[in-house]
Protein backbone atom coordinates (compact mmCIF):
# COMPACT_ATOMS: atom_id res chain seq x y z
CA MET A 1 -32.82 -6.78 23.27
CA GLU A 2 -30.26 -9.78 22.54
CA ILE A 3 -26.85 -9.66 21.96
CA LYS A 4 -23.86 -12.09 21.73
CA PHE A 5 -20.62 -10.42 23.41
CA GLU A 6 -17.30 -12.57 24.32
CA ASN A 7 -18.84 -15.69 23.31
CA GLU A 8 -22.15 -15.62 25.77
CA SER A 9 -25.67 -14.37 24.95
CA ARG A 10 -26.76 -11.13 27.31
CA THR A 11 -29.99 -9.03 27.07
CA ILE A 12 -29.44 -5.19 27.25
CA GLU A 13 -31.43 -2.03 26.88
CA LYS A 14 -32.19 -0.67 23.53
CA GLY A 15 -30.02 2.65 23.47
CA LYS A 16 -27.00 1.34 25.43
CA LYS A 17 -23.73 1.63 23.51
CA ILE A 18 -20.52 -0.97 23.80
CA TYR A 19 -19.11 1.54 26.46
CA ASP A 20 -21.49 0.56 28.83
CA LEU A 21 -20.73 -2.96 28.69
CA LEU A 22 -16.85 -2.68 29.07
CA ASP A 23 -14.09 -2.80 31.90
CA CYS A 24 -11.53 0.04 32.49
CA ASP A 25 -8.92 -1.75 30.65
CA GLN A 26 -11.25 -2.70 27.91
CA LYS A 27 -12.20 1.28 27.60
CA LYS A 28 -8.42 1.93 27.01
CA SER A 29 -7.72 -0.57 24.46
CA THR A 30 -11.11 -0.25 22.42
CA TYR A 31 -11.34 1.78 19.35
CA ALA A 32 -14.42 0.51 17.66
CA TYR A 33 -16.78 -2.59 17.35
CA THR A 34 -18.29 -4.55 14.88
CA CYS A 35 -21.57 -5.64 15.28
CA ASN A 36 -22.81 -9.02 12.49
CA GLY A 37 -19.55 -8.24 10.94
CA LYS A 38 -20.26 -4.53 10.21
CA LEU A 39 -17.88 -2.15 11.63
CA CYS A 40 -19.39 0.45 14.24
CA ALA A 41 -17.80 3.73 16.09
CA LEU A 42 -17.76 3.68 19.86
CA THR A 43 -20.59 6.27 19.69
CA LYS A 44 -22.93 4.23 17.79
CA PRO A 45 -25.94 2.28 20.10
CA LEU A 46 -25.82 -1.38 19.84
CA GLU A 47 -28.04 -3.53 17.96
CA GLU A 48 -29.01 -7.29 18.04
CA GLY A 49 -26.48 -9.60 16.70
CA ASN A 50 -23.21 -10.88 17.38
CA ILE A 51 -20.81 -8.19 19.00
CA GLU A 52 -16.57 -8.14 18.80
CA LEU A 53 -14.33 -5.64 19.73
CA ILE A 54 -11.70 -3.72 17.56
CA THR A 55 -8.79 -3.12 19.67
CA LYS A 56 -5.77 -0.60 19.35
CA ASP A 57 -3.65 -3.07 18.49
CA SER A 58 -5.55 -4.64 15.33
CA ASN A 59 -4.81 -3.42 12.13
CA VAL A 60 -8.25 -1.51 11.56
CA GLY A 61 -7.65 0.04 15.03
CA LYS A 62 -4.36 1.45 13.42
CA GLN A 63 -6.19 2.64 10.67
CA ILE A 64 -8.99 4.32 12.87
CA TYR A 65 -6.17 5.92 15.25
CA ASP A 66 -4.30 7.08 12.15
CA ARG A 67 -6.94 8.78 10.45
CA SER A 68 -8.13 10.26 13.75
CA LEU A 69 -4.49 11.81 14.09
CA ASN A 70 -4.80 13.14 10.50
CA PHE A 71 -7.73 14.97 11.33
CA LEU A 72 -6.32 16.33 14.71
CA PHE A 73 -3.51 17.81 12.80
CA ILE A 74 -5.97 19.66 10.00
CA ALA A 75 -7.78 20.85 13.08
CA ALA A 76 -4.75 22.07 14.86
CA VAL A 77 -3.28 23.97 11.84
CA HIS A 78 -7.06 25.21 11.13
CA ARG A 79 -6.85 26.91 14.43
CA LEU A 80 -3.38 28.13 14.04
CA TYR A 81 -3.42 29.08 10.42
CA PRO A 82 -7.42 29.48 9.68
CA LYS A 83 -6.56 30.43 5.73
CA ALA A 84 -3.88 27.10 5.35
CA HIS A 85 -4.84 24.13 3.48
CA VAL A 86 -3.56 20.49 4.29
CA HIS A 87 -2.70 17.98 2.07
CA VAL A 88 -2.32 14.75 3.36
CA GLU A 89 -0.30 13.21 0.42
CA HIS A 90 1.80 9.93 1.44
CA ALA A 91 3.32 7.18 3.47
CA LEU A 92 6.77 7.87 4.81
CA GLY A 93 9.14 6.91 7.34
CA ASN A 94 6.59 5.31 9.37
CA GLY A 95 4.03 8.26 9.12
CA VAL A 96 2.45 10.07 6.30
CA PHE A 97 3.94 13.17 4.64
CA CYS A 98 1.63 16.43 4.35
CA GLU A 99 1.85 19.74 2.64
CA ILE A 100 0.26 23.02 3.65
CA GLU A 101 -0.33 25.88 1.68
CA GLU A 102 -1.40 29.57 2.28
CA VAL A 103 1.64 29.23 4.69
CA ASN A 104 4.59 31.32 3.72
CA PHE A 105 7.02 29.41 4.19
CA LEU A 106 6.89 26.34 6.93
CA THR A 107 10.00 25.92 9.23
CA PRO A 108 10.63 23.60 12.10
CA LYS A 109 9.64 26.36 14.45
CA ASP A 110 6.10 26.08 13.09
CA VAL A 111 5.89 22.43 13.34
CA GLU A 112 6.81 22.04 16.96
CA THR A 113 3.99 25.09 17.08
CA ILE A 114 1.54 22.71 15.70
CA GLU A 115 2.57 19.82 17.20
CA ASN A 116 2.27 21.96 20.78
CA GLU A 117 -1.30 22.92 19.63
CA MET A 118 -2.46 19.24 19.02
CA LYS A 119 -0.99 18.31 22.57
CA LYS A 120 -3.21 21.26 24.01
CA MET A 121 -6.29 19.86 21.85
CA VAL A 122 -5.57 16.28 23.37
CA LEU A 123 -5.80 17.82 26.75
CA GLU A 124 -9.27 19.21 25.46
CA GLY A 125 -10.51 16.06 25.10
CA ILE A 126 -12.42 17.59 22.03
CA ASP A 127 -15.57 15.33 20.79
CA ILE A 128 -15.13 14.12 16.91
CA LYS A 129 -18.74 14.60 15.90
CA HIS A 130 -20.25 12.43 13.30
CA ILE A 131 -23.21 14.05 11.34
CA GLN A 132 -25.40 11.82 8.94
CA VAL A 133 -26.03 13.89 5.91
CA LYS A 134 -27.72 14.12 2.55
CA THR A 135 -25.06 13.50 0.12
CA GLU A 136 -26.61 16.16 -1.86
CA GLU A 137 -26.13 18.41 1.24
CA ALA A 138 -22.78 17.42 1.83
CA VAL A 139 -21.79 17.98 -2.04
CA ALA A 140 -23.16 21.54 -1.82
CA TYR A 141 -21.19 22.51 1.29
CA PHE A 142 -17.98 21.02 0.03
CA PHE A 143 -18.33 22.94 -3.10
CA GLU A 144 -19.15 26.29 -1.11
CA ASN A 145 -16.04 25.94 0.73
CA GLY A 146 -13.85 25.27 -1.97
CA MET A 147 -13.37 21.61 -1.80
CA GLU A 148 -14.17 20.47 -5.15
CA ASN A 149 -12.64 17.21 -5.16
CA LYS A 150 -14.32 16.10 -2.31
CA ALA A 151 -17.41 17.14 -3.79
CA ASN A 152 -17.13 15.59 -7.03
CA LEU A 153 -15.85 12.15 -5.04
CA LEU A 154 -19.18 11.83 -3.17
CA LYS A 155 -21.35 12.77 -6.01
CA ASN A 156 -19.66 10.11 -8.14
CA ARG A 157 -20.25 7.72 -5.01
CA LYS A 158 -23.90 7.83 -5.60
CA LYS A 159 -25.24 7.52 -2.05
CA ALA A 160 -27.69 8.71 -0.48
CA MET A 161 -26.17 9.56 3.03
CA SER A 162 -23.06 10.66 3.97
CA SER A 163 -21.00 11.06 6.90
CA ILE A 164 -19.45 14.50 7.95
CA TYR A 165 -17.38 14.63 11.12
CA GLU A 166 -16.58 17.91 12.70
CA LEU A 167 -13.45 19.00 14.87
CA ASP A 168 -12.99 22.08 16.71
CA GLY A 169 -15.54 23.58 14.16
CA VAL A 170 -13.69 22.17 11.03
CA LYS A 171 -16.25 19.76 9.07
CA ASP A 172 -14.25 17.58 6.87
CA TYR A 173 -15.02 13.92 5.17
CA PHE A 174 -13.43 11.18 6.00
CA TYR A 175 -13.05 7.37 4.56
CA GLY A 176 -13.93 5.51 7.75
CA ILE A 177 -14.93 5.87 11.23
CA MET A 178 -13.39 8.41 13.83
CA LEU A 179 -12.26 7.57 17.49
CA PRO A 180 -14.72 9.60 19.57
CA ASN A 181 -12.53 12.56 20.75
CA THR A 182 -9.19 13.49 21.15
CA SER A 183 -8.56 12.34 24.33
CA TYR A 184 -7.57 8.81 22.84
CA LEU A 185 -4.74 10.36 20.94
CA THR A 186 -1.92 10.45 23.88
CA SER A 187 0.80 9.10 21.08
CA PHE A 188 1.92 11.10 18.04
CA LYS A 189 4.82 13.00 16.69
CA LEU A 190 5.78 15.65 13.84
CA ARG A 191 8.77 15.89 12.07
CA TYR A 192 9.89 19.02 9.81
CA TYR A 193 10.40 17.21 5.96
CA ALA A 194 10.90 19.77 3.82
CA PRO A 195 8.90 21.22 2.28
CA GLY A 196 6.38 19.72 4.57
CA VAL A 197 5.55 17.38 7.67
CA LEU A 198 5.56 13.90 8.74
CA VAL A 199 2.50 13.07 11.14
CA SER A 200 3.35 9.60 12.82
CA SER A 201 1.85 7.88 15.82
CA GLN A 202 5.56 6.79 16.29
CA ASP A 203 8.29 7.98 17.95
CA LYS A 204 10.70 6.21 15.82
CA PHE A 205 11.72 8.07 12.44
CA VAL A 206 13.02 6.13 9.11
CA ASN A 207 14.53 8.32 6.55
CA GLN A 208 13.69 7.04 3.15
CA THR A 209 15.30 9.84 0.99
CA LYS A 210 15.01 7.93 -2.12
CA LEU A 211 11.49 6.67 -1.73
CA PHE A 212 10.55 10.24 -1.08
CA GLU A 213 11.91 11.60 -4.05
CA VAL A 214 9.91 8.75 -6.24
CA PHE A 215 6.69 10.02 -4.59
CA GLN A 216 7.23 13.73 -5.36
CA ALA A 217 8.54 13.07 -8.94
CA PHE A 218 5.14 11.26 -9.64
CA GLU A 219 3.01 14.04 -7.68
CA GLU A 220 4.38 16.56 -9.74
CA TRP A 221 3.73 14.29 -12.75
CA GLY A 222 0.21 13.65 -11.74
CA ASN A 223 -0.48 17.39 -11.57
CA LEU A 224 1.26 17.83 -14.96
CA ILE A 225 -1.19 15.57 -16.61
CA GLY A 226 -4.11 17.01 -14.60
CA VAL A 227 -4.55 13.33 -12.81
CA SER A 228 -3.29 14.27 -9.14
CA ASN A 229 -6.33 12.58 -6.94
CA ILE A 230 -9.24 9.85 -7.59
CA SER A 231 -11.98 12.55 -8.36
CA GLN A 232 -9.43 13.98 -11.74
CA LEU A 233 -9.06 10.60 -12.84
CA ASN A 234 -13.17 9.89 -12.75
CA GLN A 235 -13.72 13.43 -14.61
CA LYS A 236 -10.97 11.78 -17.30
CA ILE A 237 -13.12 8.53 -17.65
CA ILE A 238 -16.32 10.58 -17.64
CA ASP A 239 -15.06 12.79 -20.49
CA GLY A 240 -13.71 9.56 -22.72
CA LYS A 241 -10.32 10.13 -21.90
CA MET A 242 -9.56 6.28 -20.72
CA ASP A 243 -7.17 5.86 -23.37
CA GLU A 244 -5.28 8.52 -23.17
CA LEU A 245 -4.59 7.82 -19.74
CA VAL A 246 -3.57 4.29 -20.31
CA LEU A 247 -1.15 5.61 -23.04
CA MET A 248 0.24 8.34 -20.69
CA SER A 249 1.01 5.41 -17.90
CA GLU A 250 2.29 2.85 -20.15
CA THR A 251 4.90 5.74 -21.50
CA MET A 252 5.60 6.67 -18.37
CA ALA A 253 6.18 3.19 -16.99
CA GLU A 254 8.26 2.60 -20.53
CA LYS A 255 10.34 6.06 -19.84
CA GLN A 256 11.40 4.39 -16.45
CA LEU A 257 12.62 1.24 -17.58
CA GLU A 258 14.74 3.04 -20.24
CA ASP A 259 16.23 5.44 -17.65
CA ILE A 260 16.76 2.50 -15.55
CA ALA A 261 18.48 0.42 -18.33
CA SER A 262 20.42 3.13 -19.14
CA ASN A 263 22.00 3.80 -15.98
CA ILE A 264 23.10 0.59 -15.76
CA VAL A 265 24.93 0.18 -19.11
CA HIS A 266 26.39 3.68 -18.76
CA GLU A 267 26.87 4.91 -15.84
CA HIS A 268 27.46 1.08 -13.48
CA SER A 269 28.75 -0.53 -16.80
CA ASN A 270 30.66 -3.49 -14.09
CA THR A 271 27.06 -4.79 -13.38
CA LYS A 272 26.61 -8.46 -13.95
CA PHE A 273 23.97 -9.00 -11.36
CA ILE A 274 20.94 -7.11 -11.10
CA MET A 275 19.02 -7.76 -7.87
CA ILE A 276 15.24 -7.18 -8.12
CA ALA A 277 12.79 -7.10 -4.93
CA GLY A 278 9.63 -5.60 -3.94
CA PRO A 279 6.52 -6.42 -2.14
CA SER A 280 3.70 -8.88 -3.14
CA SER A 281 1.69 -7.93 -5.91
CA ALA A 282 4.28 -5.02 -6.99
CA GLY A 283 4.75 -6.44 -10.77
CA LYS A 284 8.00 -8.01 -10.54
CA THR A 285 7.84 -10.47 -12.80
CA THR A 286 6.76 -8.68 -16.01
CA PHE A 287 9.15 -5.40 -14.45
CA SER A 288 12.33 -8.14 -14.83
CA LYS A 289 10.94 -9.51 -18.36
CA ARG A 290 10.51 -5.68 -19.87
CA LEU A 291 13.64 -4.62 -18.44
CA ALA A 292 15.58 -7.64 -20.10
CA ILE A 293 14.16 -6.07 -23.27
CA HIS A 294 15.51 -2.76 -22.71
CA LEU A 295 19.13 -4.21 -22.08
CA ARG A 296 19.14 -5.97 -25.29
CA ILE A 297 18.39 -2.85 -26.88
CA HIS A 298 21.63 -1.55 -25.35
CA GLY A 299 23.26 -4.67 -26.50
CA LYS A 300 23.02 -6.83 -23.36
CA GLU A 301 22.42 -10.62 -23.37
CA PRO A 302 20.11 -10.70 -19.85
CA ILE A 303 19.20 -14.13 -18.16
CA THR A 304 16.35 -14.13 -15.39
CA ILE A 305 16.83 -16.50 -12.66
CA SER A 306 15.09 -16.68 -9.07
CA MET A 307 16.01 -16.78 -5.60
CA ASP A 308 13.71 -19.06 -4.56
CA ASP A 309 15.15 -21.83 -6.41
CA PHE A 310 17.79 -21.35 -3.97
CA TYR A 311 15.32 -22.37 -1.23
CA ILE A 312 16.66 -25.18 1.72
CA ASN A 313 14.80 -28.02 1.20
CA ARG A 314 11.18 -27.96 3.25
CA GLU A 315 12.42 -30.19 6.33
CA ASN A 316 14.88 -27.96 7.21
CA CYS A 317 12.97 -24.63 7.17
CA LYS A 318 11.39 -23.14 10.04
CA ILE A 319 8.32 -23.51 11.21
CA LEU A 320 6.26 -20.48 12.46
CA PRO A 321 3.89 -20.81 15.14
CA ASP A 322 0.71 -21.16 12.93
CA GLY A 323 2.80 -24.42 11.71
CA ASN A 324 3.16 -23.27 8.07
CA TYR A 325 6.67 -23.13 6.99
CA ASP A 326 8.70 -20.07 7.08
CA PHE A 327 9.85 -19.24 3.45
CA ASP A 328 10.46 -15.70 4.18
CA SER A 329 12.83 -15.35 6.42
CA ILE A 330 16.39 -15.06 4.83
CA ASP A 331 17.66 -18.20 6.72
CA ALA A 332 15.04 -20.26 4.34
CA ILE A 333 17.47 -19.42 1.39
CA ASP A 334 20.79 -21.58 1.22
CA LEU A 335 23.36 -18.19 1.00
CA THR A 336 26.34 -20.35 1.14
CA LEU A 337 25.18 -22.04 -2.06
CA PHE A 338 23.56 -18.74 -3.34
CA ASN A 339 26.93 -16.49 -3.18
CA GLU A 340 29.01 -19.54 -4.48
CA THR A 341 27.28 -19.98 -7.45
CA LEU A 342 27.34 -16.17 -8.46
CA LEU A 343 31.01 -16.27 -7.88
CA LYS A 344 31.54 -19.43 -10.01
CA LEU A 345 29.54 -16.98 -12.77
CA LEU A 346 31.42 -14.13 -12.41
CA SER A 347 34.63 -15.92 -12.79
CA GLY A 348 33.60 -17.00 -16.00
CA GLU A 349 32.65 -20.94 -14.67
CA GLU A 350 30.25 -23.16 -15.95
CA VAL A 351 27.50 -23.81 -13.23
CA ARG A 352 24.93 -25.96 -12.84
CA MET A 353 21.74 -24.03 -11.32
CA PRO A 354 19.34 -25.21 -9.12
CA ARG A 355 15.48 -25.48 -9.62
CA TYR A 356 13.15 -25.35 -6.94
CA ASN A 357 10.51 -28.13 -6.63
CA PHE A 358 7.57 -26.27 -4.92
CA LYS A 359 5.31 -29.51 -5.02
CA LYS A 360 8.10 -31.83 -3.08
CA GLY A 361 9.49 -28.84 -1.35
CA LYS A 362 12.71 -30.10 -2.35
CA ARG A 363 15.92 -28.64 -4.54
CA GLU A 364 16.50 -30.15 -7.47
CA TRP A 365 19.32 -29.70 -10.51
CA LYS A 366 18.85 -28.66 -14.25
CA ASP A 367 20.11 -30.99 -17.03
CA GLN A 368 22.02 -27.66 -18.48
CA SER A 369 24.59 -25.64 -17.29
CA LEU A 370 25.29 -21.94 -17.08
CA LYS A 371 28.15 -19.94 -18.23
CA MET A 372 27.90 -16.17 -18.53
CA ASN A 373 29.99 -14.46 -21.32
CA GLN A 374 31.28 -10.78 -20.98
CA ASN A 375 28.01 -9.19 -22.34
CA GLN A 376 25.71 -11.50 -20.06
CA ILE A 377 23.94 -9.71 -16.98
CA LEU A 378 22.02 -11.83 -14.48
CA ILE A 379 18.69 -10.23 -13.72
CA ILE A 380 17.72 -12.17 -10.16
CA GLU A 381 14.06 -11.53 -8.57
CA GLY A 382 13.81 -12.37 -4.73
CA ILE A 383 12.35 -10.36 -1.89
CA HIS A 384 15.76 -10.64 -0.15
CA GLY A 385 17.66 -8.73 -3.18
CA LEU A 386 17.80 -5.83 -1.59
CA ASN A 387 19.49 -7.06 1.81
CA PRO A 388 22.90 -6.76 1.69
CA ALA A 389 23.26 -10.18 3.52
CA SER A 390 22.27 -11.94 0.87
CA SER A 391 25.26 -11.47 -1.42
CA MET A 392 27.60 -10.61 0.89
CA TYR A 393 30.56 -12.04 -0.83
CA ILE A 394 29.93 -10.23 -3.83
CA PRO A 395 31.87 -7.49 -4.92
CA GLU A 396 29.63 -4.07 -4.71
CA LYS A 397 30.84 -3.11 -8.22
CA VAL A 398 29.30 -6.01 -10.29
CA LYS A 399 25.77 -5.33 -8.45
CA TYR A 400 22.45 -3.13 -9.55
CA ARG A 401 19.51 -3.26 -7.07
CA ILE A 402 16.08 -2.22 -7.95
CA TYR A 403 13.29 -1.51 -5.79
CA ILE A 404 9.80 -2.00 -7.23
CA ASN A 405 6.67 -0.97 -5.55
CA ALA A 406 3.12 0.32 -6.80
CA LEU A 407 4.04 4.02 -5.33
CA THR A 408 0.66 5.55 -6.32
CA HIS A 409 0.34 9.14 -5.76
CA LEU A 410 -3.34 9.11 -6.50
CA ASN A 411 -5.52 9.88 -3.31
CA LEU A 412 -9.30 9.98 -2.74
CA ASP A 413 -9.30 13.51 -2.12
CA ASP A 414 -6.76 16.11 -0.14
CA HIS A 415 -7.43 14.49 3.43
CA ASN A 416 -8.13 11.03 2.76
CA ARG A 417 -5.20 8.43 1.51
CA PHE A 418 -5.47 5.74 -0.89
CA PRO A 419 -2.55 3.20 0.64
CA THR A 420 -0.21 2.11 -1.57
CA SER A 421 -1.06 -1.98 -0.19
CA ASP A 422 -4.56 -1.39 -1.38
CA TYR A 423 -3.84 -1.42 -4.81
CA ARG A 424 -1.26 -4.31 -4.10
CA LEU A 425 -4.37 -6.42 -2.52
CA LEU A 426 -6.61 -5.22 -5.38
CA ARG A 427 -4.40 -6.73 -7.86
CA ARG A 428 -3.74 -10.22 -6.08
CA ILE A 429 -7.22 -10.85 -5.52
CA THR A 430 -7.87 -10.52 -9.26
CA ARG A 431 -4.80 -12.56 -10.15
CA ASP A 432 -5.39 -15.09 -7.01
CA ASN A 433 -8.84 -15.72 -8.71
CA GLN A 434 -7.91 -15.97 -12.34
CA PHE A 435 -4.68 -17.96 -12.07
CA ARG A 436 -4.90 -19.98 -9.03
CA GLY A 437 -8.87 -20.34 -8.40
CA TRP A 438 -8.84 -18.65 -5.31
CA THR A 439 -11.38 -16.79 -3.79
CA ALA A 440 -11.17 -13.12 -2.44
CA ALA A 441 -11.32 -14.32 1.25
CA ASP A 442 -8.50 -16.91 0.32
CA THR A 443 -6.30 -13.72 -0.67
CA ILE A 444 -7.34 -11.83 2.21
CA LYS A 445 -6.95 -14.60 4.85
CA PHE A 446 -3.20 -14.92 4.13
CA TRP A 447 -2.63 -11.28 3.10
CA GLY A 448 -1.68 -10.49 7.03
CA ASN A 449 1.44 -13.04 7.04
CA VAL A 450 2.39 -11.30 3.29
CA ARG A 451 2.29 -8.23 5.00
CA ASP A 452 4.24 -9.15 7.93
CA ALA A 453 6.82 -10.64 5.81
CA GLU A 454 7.46 -7.42 3.68
CA ASP A 455 7.60 -5.44 6.87
CA ARG A 456 10.29 -7.66 8.07
CA PHE A 457 12.51 -8.64 5.29
CA ILE A 458 11.80 -6.04 2.13
CA TYR A 459 10.83 -2.23 3.46
CA PRO A 460 13.99 -1.83 6.02
CA TYR A 461 16.06 -2.32 2.93
CA GLN A 462 14.33 -0.31 0.15
CA GLU A 463 16.92 2.48 0.79
CA GLU A 464 19.51 0.28 -0.57
CA ALA A 465 18.38 0.27 -4.15
CA ASN A 466 20.37 2.09 -6.95
CA ALA A 467 16.76 2.82 -8.55
CA ILE A 468 13.21 2.39 -7.55
CA PHE A 469 10.89 1.56 -10.16
CA ASN A 470 7.17 2.88 -9.58
CA SER A 471 4.76 0.00 -11.08
CA SER A 472 1.47 2.01 -10.10
CA MET A 473 -0.94 2.65 -13.33
CA ILE A 474 -3.09 5.75 -12.80
CA TYR A 475 -5.84 4.30 -14.76
CA GLU A 476 -5.68 0.69 -13.00
CA LEU A 477 -8.25 1.27 -10.07
CA ALA A 478 -11.39 1.80 -12.88
CA VAL A 479 -10.03 -1.52 -14.65
CA LEU A 480 -9.41 -3.59 -11.77
CA LYS A 481 -13.09 -2.46 -10.07
CA PRO A 482 -15.55 -4.59 -12.43
CA LEU A 483 -13.27 -7.52 -11.73
CA VAL A 484 -12.57 -7.51 -8.01
CA LYS A 485 -15.61 -6.10 -6.94
CA PRO A 486 -18.01 -8.95 -7.41
CA LEU A 487 -15.21 -11.21 -5.78
CA LEU A 488 -15.27 -9.22 -2.61
CA GLU A 489 -19.16 -9.08 -2.60
CA LYS A 490 -19.18 -13.04 -2.35
CA ILE A 491 -17.65 -12.88 1.16
CA THR A 492 -20.67 -12.81 3.72
CA PRO A 493 -20.80 -10.90 6.81
CA ASP A 494 -20.34 -13.99 9.00
CA LYS A 495 -16.75 -14.53 7.40
CA LYS A 496 -13.82 -13.04 9.63
CA GLU A 497 -12.26 -11.39 6.01
CA TYR A 498 -15.75 -9.87 5.45
CA LEU A 499 -14.84 -6.58 7.21
CA GLU A 500 -11.85 -6.15 4.95
CA ALA A 501 -13.93 -7.34 1.70
CA ASN A 502 -16.73 -4.63 3.07
CA ARG A 503 -13.98 -1.98 3.67
CA LEU A 504 -12.49 -2.52 -0.03
CA CYS A 505 -15.68 -2.80 -1.58
CA LYS A 506 -16.70 1.18 -0.09
CA LEU A 507 -13.24 1.97 -1.05
CA LEU A 508 -13.86 0.80 -4.99
CA ASP A 509 -17.43 2.87 -4.77
CA TYR A 510 -15.79 6.17 -5.27
CA ILE A 511 -14.14 5.08 -8.75
CA VAL A 512 -15.46 5.13 -11.97
CA GLU A 513 -14.98 2.08 -13.87
CA GLY A 514 -12.93 2.27 -16.88
CA THR A 515 -12.46 0.42 -20.43
CA THR A 516 -9.54 -2.15 -20.98
CA GLU A 517 -9.15 -1.76 -24.85
CA ALA A 518 -6.14 0.10 -25.26
CA ILE A 519 -4.05 -1.85 -22.37
CA PRO A 520 -1.14 -3.28 -24.20
CA ARG A 521 -0.43 -7.13 -23.40
CA THR A 522 3.01 -5.98 -22.19
CA SER A 523 1.42 -4.10 -19.57
CA ILE A 524 2.18 -4.56 -16.13
CA LEU A 525 -1.23 -4.78 -15.13
CA SER A 526 -1.88 -7.65 -17.65
CA GLU A 527 -0.03 -9.76 -14.82
CA PHE A 528 -3.02 -9.40 -13.03
CA ILE A 529 -5.78 -9.04 -15.12
CA GLY A 530 -4.67 -12.15 -17.83
CA ASN A 531 -3.89 -11.56 -21.62
CA SER A 532 0.34 -10.92 -20.60
CA ILE A 533 2.27 -11.45 -23.14
CA PHE A 534 4.56 -12.81 -21.33
CA GLU A 535 4.99 -16.18 -19.70
CA LEU A 536 4.32 -15.98 -16.03
């Protein structure tokens, strides 16, 4: 059998596995491989084609490790508390927040006990078995074992076969492949975080109490309206309640906006500058415009500007190793000019405002000047808005910081998360195609750089916010699916972006498509799917 591995052609016997081709160092660092663009587990026999390794330091490798770690946690809890049920909920503080049902009262001592049991299971080197079964058999098994959401999810997916994983007698379904055994899982840390536990592959802990409160509030809201996971979302759509989902979700967004506007006017009445920041495709533009409307209702006169207009000229910008200009760094902003401009506006002076010409890579100046009266508030959008260094010369009492992100509470089921970054990527692929003419491959290609910038310049400061706005819509995946999936399917296996495109396609297979009739033109989602009433 012929394969291409490490840029050379090789003839190998059928039945060989990737492990047979690796040296000692490669065996320690390899978590999976691709064959002709398709992701394969280490235990899968090799087939003819082009073979590439997936290492532990890659994004895919990290996903495999974290998924396997979650399974180890679930199995350890089951070993100690056979009647307990784990809920893997959302990302938090470099880890994942989980809750455990049927444990009378989770204590720090319980968490320590679970962690020690996990370490013991790592030393045991227990196999993580992969079993292919007919989907109807998997559905029946999960119904019989009280995992109805998982059963319904697989039933709606409408695939002939499904993968079941087994660890220490615990059988489960996971979206994505696993490591071969527990001996790989040498790096992890559990932390008691009432009312649950944080499971992390990292020792470093970042406390995010404000973010946690938002997630918990939306988890509670999801339970109240009967949409706490994708399986329940699908059932609502199947039952003809799509319009109801849209109305509830949009009303919740409106409530958040009014709460923030009211807080600014009544609790932070000295506010003159509202600093808004959030990651790509969080919906910052529409949010800013809708917040301005709510402030007007309260008698304020908001003016919206962008921090991007204070970029230094392109030739003075730092250059990244890949040759691109580093526009994401705070050093790309003329902080002196930015702070001086705000101080002048604060003192009632008339100021000429800059406008950055991205085509020329130079700052230009508007003909009209800006002068703020007593009733006006400046809404400032920019990725560095939460960073105290960006407005260090401005008195704190006149600033109000808002963090915006699509913080979805919806997961596939109790054990499979739907990362918020996937929400945003699906949004961005849709918008880039409609308004920039980009292919899905174009968007995916640059997504890694976008995420890196967010990790450096946005997430470290999200707890600095006075308010957090959750821009996720419970219905949006059902709307995005028919728009984005055909774009993803155009990416062929010979492209580097195929692996991510294929992963997203499989993820979308779990979603039942919905209708768009009830989506208002003011919706944040309209910023991505088109038909927004706002000038974007």
